[in-house]
């Protein structure tokens, strides 16, 4: 290490003072780019001022350029250690995790509250039809889709949902007739229910 230092010191001392300052500035700029922190830039300015002061104070000393450069390099490295976490901070993990919001379907009470809040809107009844049970012809979901069609007969989606619901109920003549009716209301040809198992 000492031998390498003995070889570097004469080379450094033979360099022109301006060239040495260019090297120091380039090294500082590289470190600044690496860290990219405003506080670090301020620290580099203070270090540069301190290096100039050391250079001026040590006017009689033969190696004053090397001393000033060494002060700059050591200060830049030390400042880099201080600001290492500021420029590239570690990800912040909260102490308490946020509650996970699941996209669950609304409860029957929530759908009833929605319908109560806006009973004259076909969109409200359409949403209610999707979430309320449709296991029988008089279930709330079936009634909701029928209300949509009463309010706005052009809502083909409600008619198709009713047709699919009545097809799923079974193969009774009444269910088949209602499925055919709602398919026609939606504007589609009647399904061939005779081939259904």
Protein backbone atom coordinates (compact mmCIF):
# COMPACT_ATOMS: atom_id res chain seq x y z
CA UNK A 1 0.00 0.00 0.00
CA UNK A 2 2.80 2.40 0.92
CA UNK A 3 4.64 1.60 -2.28
CA UNK A 4 1.53 2.31 -4.38
CA UNK A 5 1.03 5.54 -2.44
CA UNK A 6 4.68 6.52 -3.10
CA UNK A 7 4.09 6.07 -6.82
CA UNK A 8 0.83 7.99 -6.84
CA UNK A 9 2.03 10.99 -4.81
CA UNK A 10 4.71 12.13 -7.31
CA UNK A 11 2.28 11.71 -10.20
CA UNK A 12 -0.36 13.72 -8.38
CA UNK A 13 2.11 16.44 -7.39
CA UNK A 14 3.36 16.78 -10.99
CA UNK A 15 -0.15 17.45 -12.23
CA UNK A 16 -1.17 21.02 -12.87
CA UNK A 17 -3.24 22.54 -10.07
CA UNK A 18 -6.18 23.16 -12.40
CA UNK A 19 -6.08 19.58 -13.67
CA UNK A 20 -6.14 18.33 -10.08
CA UNK A 21 -9.17 20.47 -9.34
CA UNK A 22 -10.89 19.11 -12.46
CA UNK A 23 -10.26 15.55 -11.25
CA UNK A 24 -11.60 16.40 -7.81
CA UNK A 25 -14.69 18.07 -9.29
CA UNK A 26 -15.32 15.11 -11.59
CA UNK A 27 -15.06 12.71 -8.66
CA UNK A 28 -17.41 14.89 -6.63
CA UNK A 29 -19.87 15.13 -9.52
CA UNK A 30 -19.84 11.35 -9.93
CA UNK A 31 -20.59 10.87 -6.26
CA UNK A 32 -23.29 13.54 -6.36
CA UNK A 33 -24.93 11.84 -9.32
CA UNK A 34 -24.80 8.55 -7.47
CA UNK A 35 -26.43 9.89 -4.36
CA UNK A 36 -28.54 12.71 -5.85
CA UNK A 37 -29.56 14.31 -2.59
CA UNK A 38 -29.88 18.10 -2.09
CA UNK A 39 -28.42 17.85 1.41
CA UNK A 40 -25.49 15.96 0.00
CA UNK A 41 -24.88 18.73 -2.56
CA UNK A 42 -24.84 21.23 0.28
CA UNK A 43 -22.37 19.04 2.15
CA UNK A 44 -20.11 18.87 -0.92
CA UNK A 45 -20.10 22.67 -1.10
CA UNK A 46 -18.98 22.87 2.52
CA UNK A 47 -16.29 20.25 1.85
CA UNK A 48 -15.05 22.17 -1.19
CA UNK A 49 -14.85 25.34 0.90
CA UNK A 50 -12.93 23.45 3.59
CA UNK A 51 -10.53 22.04 0.97
CA UNK A 52 -9.86 25.53 -0.39
CA UNK A 53 -9.23 26.75 3.16
CA UNK A 54 -6.81 23.88 3.82
CA UNK A 55 -5.05 24.64 0.55
CA UNK A 56 -4.67 28.33 1.46
CA UNK A 57 -3.58 27.70 5.06
CA UNK A 58 -0.94 25.18 4.07
CA UNK A 59 0.79 27.56 1.63
CA UNK A 60 4.29 26.66 2.86
CA UNK A 61 3.67 22.94 2.84
CA UNK A 62 5.01 21.13 -0.22
CA UNK A 63 2.17 18.63 -0.49
CA UNK A 64 -0.65 21.06 0.14
CA UNK A 65 -2.53 20.06 -3.06
CA UNK A 66 -2.42 16.43 -2.00
CA UNK A 67 -3.58 17.30 1.51
CA UNK A 68 -6.47 19.36 0.19
CA UNK A 69 -7.43 16.58 -2.22
CA UNK A 70 -7.20 14.00 0.56
CA UNK A 71 -9.47 16.14 2.75
CA UNK A 72 -12.00 16.34 -0.09
CA UNK A 73 -11.90 12.61 -0.81
CA UNK A 74 -12.22 11.63 2.84
CA UNK A 75 -14.98 14.13 3.45
CA UNK A 76 -16.89 13.01 0.35
CA UNK A 77 -16.63 9.36 1.39
CA UNK A 78 -17.67 10.19 4.95
CA UNK A 79 -20.56 12.32 3.75
CA UNK A 80 -21.59 9.53 1.39
CA UNK A 81 -21.81 7.16 4.34
CA UNK A 82 -23.96 9.62 6.25
CA UNK A 83 -26.35 10.24 3.35
CA UNK A 84 -26.40 6.67 2.04
CA UNK A 85 -29.90 5.99 3.34
CA UNK A 86 -31.25 9.43 2.36
CA UNK A 87 -30.67 9.14 -1.39
CA UNK A 88 -31.87 5.55 -1.65
CA UNK A 89 -34.10 5.06 1.37
CA UNK A 90 -35.17 1.62 2.40
CA UNK A 91 -38.84 0.89 1.77
CA UNK A 92 -41.01 2.01 4.64
CA UNK A 93 -43.18 -0.72 6.03
CA UNK A 94 -46.00 0.45 8.29
CA UNK A 95 -46.17 -0.81 11.84
CA UNK A 96 -49.77 -1.85 11.46
CA UNK A 97 -50.94 -3.28 8.15
CA UNK A 98 -53.90 -1.62 6.51
CA UNK A 99 -57.07 -3.67 6.55
CA UNK A 100 -57.59 -5.64 3.38
CA UNK A 101 -60.68 -4.56 1.52
CA UNK A 102 -62.22 -7.47 -0.31
CA UNK A 103 -64.60 -6.96 -3.16
CA UNK A 104 -67.38 -9.07 -1.71
CA UNK A 105 -70.94 -8.90 -2.99
CA UNK A 106 -73.20 -6.73 -0.85
CA UNK A 107 -75.38 -8.32 1.75
CA UNK A 108 -79.14 -8.53 1.29
CA UNK A 109 -79.57 -5.75 3.87
CA UNK A 110 -77.23 -3.46 1.91
CA UNK A 111 -79.15 -4.11 -1.31
CA UNK A 112 -82.44 -3.40 0.47
CA UNK A 113 -80.98 -0.13 1.78
CA UNK A 114 -79.94 0.81 -1.77
CA UNK A 115 -83.41 0.10 -3.11
CA UNK A 116 -84.97 2.06 -0.26
CA UNK A 117 -82.71 5.03 -0.99
CA UNK A 118 -83.57 5.18 -4.72
CA UNK A 119 -86.66 3.10 -5.50
CA UNK A 120 -87.50 4.87 -8.78
CA UNK A 121 -84.30 4.02 -10.63
CA UNK A 122 -84.17 1.00 -12.96
CA UNK A 123 -80.40 0.88 -12.41
CA UNK A 124 -80.93 0.40 -8.69
CA UNK A 125 -83.33 -2.47 -9.29
CA UNK A 126 -80.97 -3.96 -11.89
CA UNK A 127 -78.15 -4.03 -9.34
CA UNK A 128 -80.52 -5.50 -6.77
CA UNK A 129 -81.55 -8.22 -9.22
CA UNK A 130 -77.97 -9.39 -9.60
CA UNK A 131 -77.34 -9.65 -5.86
CA UNK A 132 -80.67 -10.80 -4.45
CA UNK A 133 -81.50 -14.52 -4.51
CA UNK A 134 -83.20 -15.99 -7.59
CA UNK A 135 -83.94 -19.53 -6.50
CA UNK A 136 -87.68 -19.40 -7.11
CA UNK A 137 -90.18 -17.43 -9.22
CA UNK A 138 -91.15 -15.17 -6.32
CA UNK A 139 -87.65 -14.54 -4.96
CA UNK A 140 -86.50 -10.91 -4.56
CA UNK A 141 -83.98 -11.12 -7.43
CA UNK A 142 -86.66 -12.19 -9.92
CA UNK A 143 -89.00 -9.47 -8.69
CA UNK A 144 -86.23 -6.88 -9.03
CA UNK A 145 -85.63 -7.74 -12.69
CA UNK A 146 -89.38 -7.65 -13.34
CA UNK A 147 -89.50 -4.15 -11.82
CA UNK A 148 -86.70 -3.07 -14.16
CA UNK A 149 -88.80 -4.17 -17.13
CA UNK A 150 -91.88 -2.42 -15.73
CA UNK A 151 -89.94 0.84 -15.42
CA UNK A 152 -88.02 0.51 -18.70
CA UNK A 153 -89.14 -2.22 -21.14
CA UNK A 154 -86.08 -1.60 -23.34
CA UNK A 155 -83.71 -3.11 -20.78
CA UNK A 156 -82.91 -6.32 -22.67
CA UNK A 157 -80.33 -7.39 -20.07
CA UNK A 158 -83.01 -7.67 -17.40
CA UNK A 159 -85.19 -9.73 -19.76
CA UNK A 160 -82.28 -12.04 -20.58
CA UNK A 161 -81.50 -12.52 -16.90
CA UNK A 162 -85.14 -13.44 -16.28
CA UNK A 163 -85.12 -15.88 -19.23
CA UNK A 164 -81.96 -17.56 -17.92
CA UNK A 165 -83.44 -17.69 -14.43
CA UNK A 166 -86.63 -19.39 -15.60
CA UNK A 167 -84.64 -21.86 -17.72
CA UNK A 168 -82.67 -22.79 -14.61
CA UNK A 169 -85.83 -23.42 -12.59
CA UNK A 170 -86.70 -26.55 -14.50
CA UNK A 171 -88.65 -27.91 -17.42
CA UNK A 172 -92.17 -27.18 -16.29
CA UNK A 173 -94.42 -25.70 -19.02
CA UNK A 174 -94.83 -22.48 -17.06
CA UNK A 175 -91.07 -21.98 -16.67
CA UNK A 176 -90.52 -22.73 -20.37
CA UNK A 177 -93.24 -20.30 -21.37
CA UNK A 178 -91.79 -17.54 -19.18
CA UNK A 179 -88.27 -18.18 -20.51
CA UNK A 180 -89.59 -17.94 -24.06
CA UNK A 181 -91.53 -14.77 -23.23
CA UNK A 182 -88.56 -12.97 -21.63
CA UNK A 183 -86.26 -14.02 -24.48
CA UNK A 184 -88.73 -12.46 -26.92
CA UNK A 185 -88.94 -9.30 -24.78
CA UNK A 186 -85.13 -9.08 -25.01
CA UNK A 187 -85.43 -9.21 -28.80
CA UNK A 188 -83.98 -12.66 -29.38
CA UNK A 189 -85.55 -15.72 -30.98
CA UNK A 190 -87.23 -18.16 -28.61
CA UNK A 191 -84.90 -20.85 -27.29
CA UNK A 192 -85.51 -24.47 -28.24
CA UNK A 193 -86.26 -25.86 -24.80
CA UNK A 194 -87.36 -29.26 -26.08
CA UNK A 195 -83.72 -30.34 -26.45
CA UNK A 196 -82.85 -29.50 -22.86
CA UNK A 197 -82.33 -32.52 -20.54
